[in-house]
């Protein structure tokens, strides 16, 4: 595996880890453990940043005219990236809500 496929899998793997961490943060907040919730957010941000760096490689490749055909795998990677970003936003909102009602 190389090139576009490798980058797509790097995105999928990293942002999948990020999304899992953000969900874990919500679960910790629901249990009232805001310290662990924050730790999970920080861990998720690290994963997300790695996925975002891989995504930036794709953008550079496209800008240089080097990006090959758009594949279902690449579309899946993009979808997973956006999903992880949405979960990050929602995790922050849920944590705030749990703090207010807890």
C-alpha atoms as a PDB file:
ATOM      1  CA  UNK A   1       0.000   0.000   0.000  1.00  0.00           C
ATOM      2  CA  UNK A   2       1.336   3.390  -0.910  1.00  0.00           C
ATOM      3  CA  UNK A   3       0.454   6.918  -1.890  1.00  0.00           C
ATOM      4  CA  UNK A   4      -3.166   7.907  -1.701  1.00  0.00           C
ATOM      5  CA  UNK A   5      -4.309   4.668  -0.048  1.00  0.00           C
ATOM      6  CA  UNK A   6      -1.718   4.967   2.703  1.00  0.00           C
ATOM      7  CA  UNK A   7      -2.641   8.561   3.447  1.00  0.00           C
ATOM      8  CA  UNK A   8      -6.364   7.712   3.468  1.00  0.00           C
ATOM      9  CA  UNK A   9      -5.756   4.920   5.979  1.00  0.00           C
ATOM     10  CA  UNK A  10      -3.633   7.252   8.125  1.00  0.00           C
ATOM     11  CA  UNK A  11      -6.541   9.671   8.224  1.00  0.00           C
ATOM     12  CA  UNK A  12      -9.103   6.955   8.987  1.00  0.00           C
ATOM     13  CA  UNK A  13      -6.982   5.391  11.714  1.00  0.00           C
ATOM     14  CA  UNK A  14      -6.114   8.611  13.493  1.00  0.00           C
ATOM     15  CA  UNK A  15      -9.483  10.295  13.355  1.00  0.00           C
ATOM     16  CA  UNK A  16     -11.139   7.035  14.399  1.00  0.00           C
ATOM     17  CA  UNK A  17      -8.972   7.119  17.527  1.00  0.00           C
ATOM     18  CA  UNK A  18      -9.899  10.759  18.023  1.00  0.00           C
ATOM     19  CA  UNK A  19     -13.616  10.062  17.747  1.00  0.00           C
ATOM     20  CA  UNK A  20     -13.317   7.212  20.258  1.00  0.00           C
ATOM     21  CA  UNK A  21     -11.493   9.503  22.690  1.00  0.00           C
ATOM     22  CA  UNK A  22     -14.153  12.189  22.334  1.00  0.00           C
ATOM     23  CA  UNK A  23     -16.913   9.654  23.039  1.00  0.00           C
ATOM     24  CA  UNK A  24     -14.912   8.437  26.042  1.00  0.00           C
ATOM     25  CA  UNK A  25     -14.718  12.046  27.265  1.00  0.00           C
ATOM     26  CA  UNK A  26     -18.511  12.303  27.170  1.00  0.00           C
ATOM     27  CA  UNK A  27     -18.818   9.067  29.137  1.00  0.00           C
ATOM     28  CA  UNK A  28     -16.384  10.311  31.791  1.00  0.00           C
ATOM     29  CA  UNK A  29     -18.285  13.591  32.082  1.00  0.00           C
ATOM     30  CA  UNK A  30     -21.559  11.691  32.418  1.00  0.00           C
ATOM     31  CA  UNK A  31     -19.980   9.797  35.329  1.00  0.00           C
ATOM     32  CA  UNK A  32     -18.883  13.118  36.867  1.00  0.00           C
ATOM     33  CA  UNK A  33     -15.152  12.595  36.267  1.00  0.00           C
ATOM     34  CA  UNK A  34     -14.286  15.847  34.524  1.00  0.00           C
ATOM     35  CA  UNK A  35     -10.535  15.375  34.921  1.00  0.00           C
ATOM     36  CA  UNK A  36     -10.626  12.122  32.945  1.00  0.00           C
ATOM     37  CA  UNK A  37     -12.981  13.763  30.463  1.00  0.00           C
ATOM     38  CA  UNK A  38     -10.416  16.493  29.846  1.00  0.00           C
ATOM     39  CA  UNK A  39      -7.626  13.915  29.499  1.00  0.00           C
ATOM     40  CA  UNK A  40      -9.677  12.080  26.875  1.00  0.00           C
ATOM     41  CA  UNK A  41     -10.249  15.360  24.993  1.00  0.00           C
ATOM     42  CA  UNK A  42      -6.500  16.034  24.974  1.00  0.00           C
ATOM     43  CA  UNK A  43      -5.792  12.496  23.737  1.00  0.00           C
ATOM     44  CA  UNK A  44      -8.444  12.885  21.035  1.00  0.00           C
ATOM     45  CA  UNK A  45      -6.940  16.173  19.910  1.00  0.00           C
ATOM     46  CA  UNK A  46      -3.557  14.481  19.451  1.00  0.00           C
ATOM     47  CA  UNK A  47      -5.106  11.799  17.245  1.00  0.00           C
ATOM     48  CA  UNK A  48      -7.117  14.398  15.345  1.00  0.00           C
ATOM     49  CA  UNK A  49      -4.024  16.508  14.709  1.00  0.00           C
ATOM     50  CA  UNK A  50      -2.225  13.498  13.213  1.00  0.00           C
ATOM     51  CA  UNK A  51      -5.191  12.790  10.952  1.00  0.00           C
ATOM     52  CA  UNK A  52      -5.352  16.441   9.983  1.00  0.00           C
ATOM     53  CA  UNK A  53      -1.647  16.422   9.039  1.00  0.00           C
ATOM     54  CA  UNK A  54      -2.252  13.449   6.739  1.00  0.00           C
ATOM     55  CA  UNK A  55      -5.217  15.313   5.265  1.00  0.00           C
ATOM     56  CA  UNK A  56      -2.993  18.329   4.629  1.00  0.00           C
ATOM     57  CA  UNK A  57      -0.700  16.070   2.587  1.00  0.00           C
ATOM     58  CA  UNK A  58      -3.634  15.290   0.319  1.00  0.00           C
ATOM     59  CA  UNK A  59      -4.432  18.960  -0.112  1.00  0.00           C
ATOM     60  CA  UNK A  60      -0.798  19.674  -1.032  1.00  0.00           C
ATOM     61  CA  UNK A  61      -0.813  16.799  -3.511  1.00  0.00           C
ATOM     62  CA  UNK A  62      -3.938  18.138  -5.157  1.00  0.00           C
ATOM     63  CA  UNK A  63      -2.498  21.652  -5.307  1.00  0.00           C
ATOM     64  CA  UNK A  64       0.592  20.217  -7.028  1.00  0.00           C
ATOM     65  CA  UNK A  65      -1.530  18.285  -9.525  1.00  0.00           C
ATOM     66  CA  UNK A  66      -0.395  14.968  -8.046  1.00  0.00           C
ATOM     67  CA  UNK A  67      -3.668  13.670  -6.629  1.00  0.00           C
ATOM     68  CA  UNK A  68      -4.977  10.630  -8.447  1.00  0.00           C
ATOM     69  CA  UNK A  69      -8.608   9.684  -8.928  1.00  0.00           C
ATOM     70  CA  UNK A  70     -11.050  10.201  -6.095  1.00  0.00           C
ATOM     71  CA  UNK A  71     -11.925   6.830  -4.595  1.00  0.00           C
ATOM     72  CA  UNK A  72     -14.507   5.553  -2.162  1.00  0.00           C
ATOM     73  CA  UNK A  73     -11.656   5.064   0.331  1.00  0.00           C
ATOM     74  CA  UNK A  74     -10.735   8.742   0.091  1.00  0.00           C
ATOM     75  CA  UNK A  75     -14.371   9.773   0.495  1.00  0.00           C
ATOM     76  CA  UNK A  76     -14.604   7.553   3.569  1.00  0.00           C
ATOM     77  CA  UNK A  77     -11.483   9.200   5.031  1.00  0.00           C
ATOM     78  CA  UNK A  78     -13.006  12.647   4.467  1.00  0.00           C
ATOM     79  CA  UNK A  79     -16.270  11.548   6.076  1.00  0.00           C
ATOM     80  CA  UNK A  80     -14.455  10.144   9.102  1.00  0.00           C
ATOM     81  CA  UNK A  81     -12.460  13.365   9.486  1.00  0.00           C
ATOM     82  CA  UNK A  82     -15.631  15.461   9.510  1.00  0.00           C
ATOM     83  CA  UNK A  83     -17.339  13.032  11.898  1.00  0.00           C
ATOM     84  CA  UNK A  84     -14.449  13.241  14.368  1.00  0.00           C
ATOM     85  CA  UNK A  85     -14.521  17.024  14.216  1.00  0.00           C
ATOM     86  CA  UNK A  86     -18.251  17.021  14.951  1.00  0.00           C
ATOM     87  CA  UNK A  87     -17.748  14.646  17.890  1.00  0.00           C
ATOM     88  CA  UNK A  88     -15.074  16.964  19.285  1.00  0.00           C
ATOM     89  CA  UNK A  89     -17.493  19.879  19.250  1.00  0.00           C
ATOM     90  CA  UNK A  90     -20.303  17.799  20.742  1.00  0.00           C
ATOM     91  CA  UNK A  91     -18.021  16.371  23.442  1.00  0.00           C
ATOM     92  CA  UNK A  92     -17.176  19.882  24.599  1.00  0.00           C
ATOM     93  CA  UNK A  93     -20.845  20.801  24.697  1.00  0.00           C
ATOM     94  CA  UNK A  94     -21.826  17.639  26.580  1.00  0.00           C
ATOM     95  CA  UNK A  95     -19.074  18.167  29.135  1.00  0.00           C
ATOM     96  CA  UNK A  96     -20.337  21.705  29.759  1.00  0.00           C
ATOM     97  CA  UNK A  97     -23.898  20.451  30.177  1.00  0.00           C
ATOM     98  CA  UNK A  98     -22.872  17.684  32.580  1.00  0.00           C
ATOM     99  CA  UNK A  99     -20.920  20.196  34.653  1.00  0.00           C
ATOM    100  CA  UNK A 100     -23.982  22.451  34.909  1.00  0.00           C
ATOM    101  CA  UNK A 101     -26.404  19.717  35.900  1.00  0.00           C
ATOM    102  CA  UNK A 102     -23.936  17.741  38.029  1.00  0.00           C
END
